[in-house]
C-alpha cells in the first residue's frame, strides 16, 4: 500500500510539472548601445545592484535590468497632473526616464518608462504651470522659475524641481543623455505629445478666445475630451470649437 501511495504521489507531482504555466513570460529589454569606455561602468557591482534595487522598489512594471543600461540619478519632482501638481519619483538612466507614484517606505507604483531617443526637454514651459493644490486654496510653495518641460512621443508634462540648482542639474543630465541616445539617428523632426493644459489655468477658450460661462462650457468637462485633445492638442476649448 505504501508503495502504491508513493507511486501515485509521484505521478501527481509529475503531472503538476507538466502543466503549462499561466504566467506571462517576462519581457527582457533590448541591450543598450554604449561606448567601450562605458561598458565597465554598466557591468559594475554598484550599477547592477542599484538597478536591481530600483526594480524591487516598484510594485509591478517593466523589467529595468538591461545589458548596457547605466543608472544616472534619481529624485522627487512635482509633476503637473490633470488635478494639480503631485510628487513623483524619477529615475534617469542612460537610455530611459522612469517615474512612479510614491508609496510608503521607499516603494513606488504606476511605473512609467519613457525612452530618451523620443524625448526633448525645455527650460521654459509653454504656459504658466499650476502652483496650487487641486482644490485651489492651498499654496504648494512651488516656484515657477524651477519648472521645466519634458516632451515625449507618449506623453509630455511640466515638473517642478526643488530649487534652481536642482532644475539645472536635471536639465543638464537629461540633455546629455538624450543627445547620446539620439546619436547616429537620421535627422527627423521629433513628434511629441502636447502638454495638457489644466482647466483651472484658463477662463477662456484657447482657440476662439470666448469666455467660459455657465452656457459656454468647456469641452473638457464632457465625455468628448479625447476628441478635443486630438483636435486642439490638449488645450481647453469651448463646445463651439469642439462640438
C-alpha atoms as a PDB file:
ATOM      1  CA  UNK A   1       0.000   0.000   0.000  1.00  0.00           C
ATOM      2  CA  UNK A   2       2.820   2.338   0.867  1.00  0.00           C
ATOM      3  CA  UNK A   3       4.464   1.708  -2.496  1.00  0.00           C
ATOM      4  CA  UNK A   4       1.268   2.437  -4.416  1.00  0.00           C
ATOM      5  CA  UNK A   5       0.775   5.655  -2.463  1.00  0.00           C
ATOM      6  CA  UNK A   6       4.308   6.812  -3.235  1.00  0.00           C
ATOM      7  CA  UNK A   7       3.865   5.923  -6.890  1.00  0.00           C
ATOM      8  CA  UNK A   8       0.565   7.789  -7.172  1.00  0.00           C
ATOM      9  CA  UNK A   9       2.069  10.763  -5.349  1.00  0.00           C
ATOM     10  CA  UNK A  10       4.995  10.745  -7.761  1.00  0.00           C
ATOM     11  CA  UNK A  11       2.654  10.690 -10.764  1.00  0.00           C
ATOM     12  CA  UNK A  12       0.666  13.578  -9.332  1.00  0.00           C
ATOM     13  CA  UNK A  13       3.866  15.538  -8.807  1.00  0.00           C
ATOM     14  CA  UNK A  14       4.996  14.874 -12.382  1.00  0.00           C
ATOM     15  CA  UNK A  15       1.595  15.980 -13.729  1.00  0.00           C
ATOM     16  CA  UNK A  16       1.962  19.298 -11.908  1.00  0.00           C
ATOM     17  CA  UNK A  17       5.317  19.916 -13.571  1.00  0.00           C
ATOM     18  CA  UNK A  18       3.865  19.058 -16.956  1.00  0.00           C
ATOM     19  CA  UNK A  19       1.145  21.689 -16.679  1.00  0.00           C
ATOM     20  CA  UNK A  20       1.680  24.762 -18.763  1.00  0.00           C
ATOM     21  CA  UNK A  21       2.424  27.904 -16.795  1.00  0.00           C
ATOM     22  CA  UNK A  22      -0.282  30.579 -16.945  1.00  0.00           C
ATOM     23  CA  UNK A  23       2.210  33.350 -16.152  1.00  0.00           C
ATOM     24  CA  UNK A  24       3.216  35.646 -18.982  1.00  0.00           C
ATOM     25  CA  UNK A  25       6.900  35.472 -19.928  1.00  0.00           C
ATOM     26  CA  UNK A  26       8.966  38.370 -18.603  1.00  0.00           C
ATOM     27  CA  UNK A  27       9.946  40.723 -21.393  1.00  0.00           C
ATOM     28  CA  UNK A  28      13.702  41.190 -21.476  1.00  0.00           C
ATOM     29  CA  UNK A  29      14.696  44.728 -22.549  1.00  0.00           C
ATOM     30  CA  UNK A  30      16.915  45.047 -25.604  1.00  0.00           C
ATOM     31  CA  UNK A  31      20.576  45.738 -24.971  1.00  0.00           C
ATOM     32  CA  UNK A  32      21.524  49.405 -24.801  1.00  0.00           C
ATOM     33  CA  UNK A  33      24.234  50.537 -27.193  1.00  0.00           C
ATOM     34  CA  UNK A  34      27.091  52.097 -25.245  1.00  0.00           C
ATOM     35  CA  UNK A  35      30.708  53.003 -25.876  1.00  0.00           C
ATOM     36  CA  UNK A  36      33.577  50.706 -24.908  1.00  0.00           C
ATOM     37  CA  UNK A  37      34.613  53.101 -22.137  1.00  0.00           C
ATOM     38  CA  UNK A  38      31.135  52.890 -20.550  1.00  0.00           C
ATOM     39  CA  UNK A  39      30.954  49.091 -20.507  1.00  0.00           C
ATOM     40  CA  UNK A  40      32.918  48.655 -17.242  1.00  0.00           C
ATOM     41  CA  UNK A  41      30.518  51.072 -15.522  1.00  0.00           C
ATOM     42  CA  UNK A  42      27.480  49.228 -16.864  1.00  0.00           C
ATOM     43  CA  UNK A  43      28.877  45.928 -15.550  1.00  0.00           C
ATOM     44  CA  UNK A  44      29.999  47.309 -12.190  1.00  0.00           C
ATOM     45  CA  UNK A  45      28.580  45.826  -8.992  1.00  0.00           C
ATOM     46  CA  UNK A  46      27.223  49.221  -7.939  1.00  0.00           C
ATOM     47  CA  UNK A  47      25.282  49.729 -11.181  1.00  0.00           C
ATOM     48  CA  UNK A  48      23.848  46.214 -11.243  1.00  0.00           C
ATOM     49  CA  UNK A  49      22.816  46.326  -7.578  1.00  0.00           C
ATOM     50  CA  UNK A  50      21.335  49.827  -7.959  1.00  0.00           C
ATOM     51  CA  UNK A  51      19.140  48.875 -10.910  1.00  0.00           C
ATOM     52  CA  UNK A  52      18.073  45.696  -9.095  1.00  0.00           C
ATOM     53  CA  UNK A  53      17.186  47.757  -6.023  1.00  0.00           C
ATOM     54  CA  UNK A  54      15.092  50.202  -8.078  1.00  0.00           C
ATOM     55  CA  UNK A  55      13.318  47.305  -9.804  1.00  0.00           C
ATOM     56  CA  UNK A  56      12.430  45.751  -6.445  1.00  0.00           C
ATOM     57  CA  UNK A  57      11.036  49.048  -5.149  1.00  0.00           C
ATOM     58  CA  UNK A  58       8.374  49.122  -7.864  1.00  0.00           C
ATOM     59  CA  UNK A  59       5.107  47.239  -7.497  1.00  0.00           C
ATOM     60  CA  UNK A  60       4.926  45.709 -10.954  1.00  0.00           C
ATOM     61  CA  UNK A  61       6.043  47.404 -14.124  1.00  0.00           C
ATOM     62  CA  UNK A  62       8.673  46.623 -16.733  1.00  0.00           C
ATOM     63  CA  UNK A  63      11.959  44.833 -16.128  1.00  0.00           C
ATOM     64  CA  UNK A  64      14.577  47.561 -15.743  1.00  0.00           C
ATOM     65  CA  UNK A  65      17.689  45.414 -15.896  1.00  0.00           C
ATOM     66  CA  UNK A  66      19.130  45.540 -19.410  1.00  0.00           C
ATOM     67  CA  UNK A  67      22.607  44.987 -20.835  1.00  0.00           C
ATOM     68  CA  UNK A  68      24.337  48.341 -21.199  1.00  0.00           C
ATOM     69  CA  UNK A  69      21.859  50.270 -19.042  1.00  0.00           C
ATOM     70  CA  UNK A  70      23.511  52.699 -16.610  1.00  0.00           C
ATOM     71  CA  UNK A  71      21.917  54.415 -13.629  1.00  0.00           C
ATOM     72  CA  UNK A  72      22.484  58.187 -13.673  1.00  0.00           C
ATOM     73  CA  UNK A  73      20.420  59.827 -10.928  1.00  0.00           C
ATOM     74  CA  UNK A  74      17.122  59.869  -9.045  1.00  0.00           C
ATOM     75  CA  UNK A  75      14.977  62.405  -7.227  1.00  0.00           C
ATOM     76  CA  UNK A  76      11.479  63.605  -6.463  1.00  0.00           C
ATOM     77  CA  UNK A  77       9.858  66.191  -8.743  1.00  0.00           C
ATOM     78  CA  UNK A  78       6.392  67.727  -8.586  1.00  0.00           C
ATOM     79  CA  UNK A  79       4.653  66.581 -11.779  1.00  0.00           C
ATOM     80  CA  UNK A  80       1.729  68.699 -13.002  1.00  0.00           C
ATOM     81  CA  UNK A  81      -1.149  66.249 -13.418  1.00  0.00           C
ATOM     82  CA  UNK A  82      -4.728  66.917 -14.546  1.00  0.00           C
ATOM     83  CA  UNK A  83      -5.824  67.605 -10.964  1.00  0.00           C
ATOM     84  CA  UNK A  84      -2.778  69.611  -9.960  1.00  0.00           C
ATOM     85  CA  UNK A  85       0.895  69.063  -9.025  1.00  0.00           C
ATOM     86  CA  UNK A  86       1.674  65.680  -7.469  1.00  0.00           C
ATOM     87  CA  UNK A  87       5.010  64.314  -6.173  1.00  0.00           C
ATOM     88  CA  UNK A  88       6.530  61.647  -8.417  1.00  0.00           C
ATOM     89  CA  UNK A  89       9.883  59.929  -8.030  1.00  0.00           C
ATOM     90  CA  UNK A  90      12.072  59.940 -11.150  1.00  0.00           C
ATOM     91  CA  UNK A  91      14.962  57.681 -12.125  1.00  0.00           C
ATOM     92  CA  UNK A  92      17.231  58.662 -15.002  1.00  0.00           C
ATOM     93  CA  UNK A  93      19.207  56.023 -16.883  1.00  0.00           C
ATOM     94  CA  UNK A  94      21.384  56.429 -19.942  1.00  0.00           C
ATOM     95  CA  UNK A  95      18.513  55.336 -22.228  1.00  0.00           C
ATOM     96  CA  UNK A  96      15.209  55.844 -20.367  1.00  0.00           C
ATOM     97  CA  UNK A  97      13.492  58.065 -17.810  1.00  0.00           C
ATOM     98  CA  UNK A  98      11.402  56.130 -15.290  1.00  0.00           C
ATOM     99  CA  UNK A  99       8.973  57.561 -12.763  1.00  0.00           C
ATOM    100  CA  UNK A 100       6.209  56.380 -10.475  1.00  0.00           C
ATOM    101  CA  UNK A 101       3.781  57.240  -7.706  1.00  0.00           C
ATOM    102  CA  UNK A 102       5.381  57.391  -4.265  1.00  0.00           C
ATOM    103  CA  UNK A 103       4.186  54.843  -1.720  1.00  0.00           C
ATOM    104  CA  UNK A 104       5.377  54.341   1.858  1.00  0.00           C
ATOM    105  CA  UNK A 105       8.856  53.144   2.861  1.00  0.00           C
ATOM    106  CA  UNK A 106      10.567  53.966  -0.420  1.00  0.00           C
ATOM    107  CA  UNK A 107       8.316  51.923  -2.669  1.00  0.00           C
ATOM    108  CA  UNK A 108       6.629  53.034  -5.891  1.00  0.00           C
ATOM    109  CA  UNK A 109       3.704  52.131  -8.127  1.00  0.00           C
ATOM    110  CA  UNK A 110       2.294  53.057 -11.555  1.00  0.00           C
ATOM    111  CA  UNK A 111       5.627  52.785 -13.302  1.00  0.00           C
ATOM    112  CA  UNK A 112       6.134  54.831 -16.475  1.00  0.00           C
ATOM    113  CA  UNK A 113       9.125  54.291 -18.779  1.00  0.00           C
ATOM    114  CA  UNK A 114       9.954  56.955 -21.389  1.00  0.00           C
ATOM    115  CA  UNK A 115      12.740  56.343 -23.912  1.00  0.00           C
ATOM    116  CA  UNK A 116      15.259  59.154 -24.267  1.00  0.00           C
ATOM    117  CA  UNK A 117      15.556  58.763 -28.039  1.00  0.00           C
ATOM    118  CA  UNK A 118      11.982  60.050 -28.354  1.00  0.00           C
ATOM    119  CA  UNK A 119      12.370  62.897 -25.835  1.00  0.00           C
ATOM    120  CA  UNK A 120      13.280  66.564 -25.615  1.00  0.00           C
ATOM    121  CA  UNK A 121      13.336  68.964 -22.674  1.00  0.00           C
ATOM    122  CA  UNK A 122      12.848  72.696 -22.315  1.00  0.00           C
ATOM    123  CA  UNK A 123      13.861  75.046 -19.509  1.00  0.00           C
ATOM    124  CA  UNK A 124      10.687  77.062 -20.151  1.00  0.00           C
ATOM    125  CA  UNK A 125       7.069  75.901 -20.018  1.00  0.00           C
ATOM    126  CA  UNK A 126       4.598  76.802 -22.759  1.00  0.00           C
ATOM    127  CA  UNK A 127       2.076  78.040 -20.173  1.00  0.00           C
ATOM    128  CA  UNK A 128       2.246  79.091 -16.517  1.00  0.00           C
ATOM    129  CA  UNK A 129       2.261  75.840 -14.508  1.00  0.00           C
ATOM    130  CA  UNK A 130      -0.301  75.380 -11.761  1.00  0.00           C
ATOM    131  CA  UNK A 131       1.191  76.037  -8.311  1.00  0.00           C
ATOM    132  CA  UNK A 132      -1.876  75.328  -6.185  1.00  0.00           C
ATOM    133  CA  UNK A 133      -3.438  72.135  -4.927  1.00  0.00           C
ATOM    134  CA  UNK A 134      -6.397  70.648  -6.845  1.00  0.00           C
ATOM    135  CA  UNK A 135      -8.926  72.437  -4.609  1.00  0.00           C
ATOM    136  CA  UNK A 136      -7.238  75.735  -5.484  1.00  0.00           C
ATOM    137  CA  UNK A 137      -6.881  77.151  -1.987  1.00  0.00           C
ATOM    138  CA  UNK A 138      -3.607  75.644  -0.776  1.00  0.00           C
ATOM    139  CA  UNK A 139      -0.334  77.170  -1.938  1.00  0.00           C
ATOM    140  CA  UNK A 140       2.142  74.360  -2.592  1.00  0.00           C
ATOM    141  CA  UNK A 141       5.076  76.814  -2.377  1.00  0.00           C
ATOM    142  CA  UNK A 142       6.233  75.965  -5.880  1.00  0.00           C
ATOM    143  CA  UNK A 143       8.398  78.448  -7.759  1.00  0.00           C
ATOM    144  CA  UNK A 144       7.548  78.675 -11.471  1.00  0.00           C
ATOM    145  CA  UNK A 145      11.198  79.538 -12.100  1.00  0.00           C
ATOM    146  CA  UNK A 146      12.055  75.986 -11.068  1.00  0.00           C
ATOM    147  CA  UNK A 147       9.621  74.396 -13.542  1.00  0.00           C
ATOM    148  CA  UNK A 148      10.669  72.771 -16.810  1.00  0.00           C
ATOM    149  CA  UNK A 149       9.003  70.809 -19.576  1.00  0.00           C
ATOM    150  CA  UNK A 150       9.514  67.191 -20.631  1.00  0.00           C
ATOM    151  CA  UNK A 151       8.323  66.360 -24.149  1.00  0.00           C
ATOM    152  CA  UNK A 152       7.878  62.782 -25.321  1.00  0.00           C
ATOM    153  CA  UNK A 153       6.150  60.819 -28.032  1.00  0.00           C
ATOM    154  CA  UNK A 154       3.874  59.115 -25.482  1.00  0.00           C
ATOM    155  CA  UNK A 155       3.223  61.982 -23.050  1.00  0.00           C
ATOM    156  CA  UNK A 156       4.514  65.465 -22.252  1.00  0.00           C
ATOM    157  CA  UNK A 157       4.249  67.340 -18.965  1.00  0.00           C
ATOM    158  CA  UNK A 158       5.641  70.002 -16.651  1.00  0.00           C
ATOM    159  CA  UNK A 159       7.619  69.288 -13.494  1.00  0.00           C
ATOM    160  CA  UNK A 160       8.868  71.431 -10.603  1.00  0.00           C
ATOM    161  CA  UNK A 161      12.326  70.940  -9.156  1.00  0.00           C
ATOM    162  CA  UNK A 162      13.048  71.790  -5.518  1.00  0.00           C
ATOM    163  CA  UNK A 163      15.460  74.597  -6.451  1.00  0.00           C
ATOM    164  CA  UNK A 164      17.103  76.313  -9.415  1.00  0.00           C
ATOM    165  CA  UNK A 165      20.227  74.200  -8.850  1.00  0.00           C
ATOM    166  CA  UNK A 166      18.178  71.006  -8.880  1.00  0.00           C
ATOM    167  CA  UNK A 167      16.424  72.146 -12.070  1.00  0.00           C
ATOM    168  CA  UNK A 168      19.698  72.919 -13.835  1.00  0.00           C
ATOM    169  CA  UNK A 169      21.188  69.576 -12.795  1.00  0.00           C
ATOM    170  CA  UNK A 170      18.176  67.668 -14.106  1.00  0.00           C
ATOM    171  CA  UNK A 171      18.197  69.590 -17.383  1.00  0.00           C
ATOM    172  CA  UNK A 172      21.936  69.103 -17.814  1.00  0.00           C
ATOM    173  CA  UNK A 173      21.728  65.345 -17.220  1.00  0.00           C
ATOM    174  CA  UNK A 174      18.650  64.920 -19.393  1.00  0.00           C
ATOM    175  CA  UNK A 175      20.088  66.863 -22.328  1.00  0.00           C
ATOM    176  CA  UNK A 176      23.373  64.959 -22.116  1.00  0.00           C
ATOM    177  CA  UNK A 177      21.819  61.504 -22.279  1.00  0.00           C
ATOM    178  CA  UNK A 178      19.066  62.500 -24.714  1.00  0.00           C
ATOM    179  CA  UNK A 179      21.822  63.651 -27.067  1.00  0.00           C
ATOM    180  CA  UNK A 180      23.686  60.352 -26.633  1.00  0.00           C
ATOM    181  CA  UNK A 181      20.509  58.311 -27.161  1.00  0.00           C
ATOM    182  CA  UNK A 182      19.795  60.142 -30.418  1.00  0.00           C
ATOM    183  CA  UNK A 183      23.329  59.869 -31.832  1.00  0.00           C
ATOM    184  CA  UNK A 184      23.521  58.306 -35.272  1.00  0.00           C
ATOM    185  CA  UNK A 185      19.789  58.642 -35.860  1.00  0.00           C
ATOM    186  CA  UNK A 186      18.527  60.157 -39.085  1.00  0.00           C
ATOM    187  CA  UNK A 187      17.612  63.812 -38.780  1.00  0.00           C
ATOM    188  CA  UNK A 188      13.845  63.575 -38.451  1.00  0.00           C
ATOM    189  CA  UNK A 189      11.621  66.073 -36.673  1.00  0.00           C
ATOM    190  CA  UNK A 190      10.736  64.713 -33.251  1.00  0.00           C
ATOM    191  CA  UNK A 191       6.971  64.325 -32.831  1.00  0.00           C
ATOM    192  CA  UNK A 192       5.834  64.623 -29.203  1.00  0.00           C
ATOM    193  CA  UNK A 193       2.517  64.814 -27.391  1.00  0.00           C
ATOM    194  CA  UNK A 194       1.254  68.220 -26.319  1.00  0.00           C
ATOM    195  CA  UNK A 195       1.344  69.184 -22.655  1.00  0.00           C
ATOM    196  CA  UNK A 196      -2.082  69.020 -21.042  1.00  0.00           C
ATOM    197  CA  UNK A 197      -3.311  72.475 -20.023  1.00  0.00           C
ATOM    198  CA  UNK A 198      -5.399  72.142 -16.802  1.00  0.00           C
ATOM    199  CA  UNK A 199      -8.898  73.672 -16.990  1.00  0.00           C
ATOM    200  CA  UNK A 200      -8.155  75.688 -13.853  1.00  0.00           C
ATOM    201  CA  UNK A 201      -5.362  77.580 -15.648  1.00  0.00           C
ATOM    202  CA  UNK A 202      -7.645  79.319 -18.159  1.00  0.00           C
ATOM    203  CA  UNK A 203     -11.006  81.087 -18.159  1.00  0.00           C
ATOM    204  CA  UNK A 204     -11.485  81.400 -21.917  1.00  0.00           C
ATOM    205  CA  UNK A 205     -11.384  79.160 -24.976  1.00  0.00           C
ATOM    206  CA  UNK A 206      -7.775  78.952 -26.122  1.00  0.00           C
ATOM    207  CA  UNK A 207      -8.906  78.762 -29.755  1.00  0.00           C
ATOM    208  CA  UNK A 208     -11.765  81.248 -30.237  1.00  0.00           C
ATOM    209  CA  UNK A 209     -10.992  83.304 -27.062  1.00  0.00           C
ATOM    210  CA  UNK A 210     -14.625  83.268 -25.848  1.00  0.00           C
ATOM    211  CA  UNK A 211     -15.028  83.476 -22.065  1.00  0.00           C
ATOM    212  CA  UNK A 212     -16.208  80.320 -20.328  1.00  0.00           C
ATOM    213  CA  UNK A 213     -19.645  80.806 -18.759  1.00  0.00           C
ATOM    214  CA  UNK A 214     -22.471  78.652 -17.449  1.00  0.00           C
ATOM    215  CA  UNK A 215     -23.730  78.254 -21.023  1.00  0.00           C
ATOM    216  CA  UNK A 216     -20.399  78.323 -22.883  1.00  0.00           C
ATOM    217  CA  UNK A 217     -18.942  75.292 -21.142  1.00  0.00           C
ATOM    218  CA  UNK A 218     -15.521  73.751 -21.527  1.00  0.00           C
ATOM    219  CA  UNK A 219     -15.487  70.778 -23.856  1.00  0.00           C
ATOM    220  CA  UNK A 220     -13.057  69.106 -21.457  1.00  0.00           C
ATOM    221  CA  UNK A 221     -15.894  68.678 -18.944  1.00  0.00           C
ATOM    222  CA  UNK A 222     -17.719  66.316 -21.289  1.00  0.00           C
ATOM    223  CA  UNK A 223     -17.010  62.729 -22.412  1.00  0.00           C
ATOM    224  CA  UNK A 224     -15.695  64.002 -25.791  1.00  0.00           C
ATOM    225  CA  UNK A 225     -12.490  65.006 -24.034  1.00  0.00           C
ATOM    226  CA  UNK A 226     -10.142  62.876 -26.150  1.00  0.00           C
ATOM    227  CA  UNK A 227     -11.586  64.210 -29.410  1.00  0.00           C
ATOM    228  CA  UNK A 228     -10.704  67.698 -28.214  1.00  0.00           C
ATOM    229  CA  UNK A 229      -7.186  66.616 -27.324  1.00  0.00           C
ATOM    230  CA  UNK A 230      -6.630  65.381 -30.865  1.00  0.00           C
ATOM    231  CA  UNK A 231      -8.128  68.489 -32.486  1.00  0.00           C
ATOM    232  CA  UNK A 232      -6.730  71.160 -30.200  1.00  0.00           C
ATOM    233  CA  UNK A 233      -3.629  69.498 -28.745  1.00  0.00           C
ATOM    234  CA  UNK A 234      -4.821  69.314 -25.154  1.00  0.00           C
ATOM    235  CA  UNK A 235      -5.975  72.951 -24.937  1.00  0.00           C
ATOM    236  CA  UNK A 236      -9.188  73.781 -23.024  1.00  0.00           C
ATOM    237  CA  UNK A 237     -11.694  74.731 -25.712  1.00  0.00           C
ATOM    238  CA  UNK A 238     -15.411  75.536 -25.762  1.00  0.00           C
ATOM    239  CA  UNK A 239     -18.199  73.464 -27.292  1.00  0.00           C
ATOM    240  CA  UNK A 240     -18.439  75.726 -30.344  1.00  0.00           C
ATOM    241  CA  UNK A 241     -14.853  74.724 -31.243  1.00  0.00           C
ATOM    242  CA  UNK A 242     -15.146  71.066 -30.290  1.00  0.00           C
ATOM    243  CA  UNK A 243     -18.867  70.224 -30.804  1.00  0.00           C
END
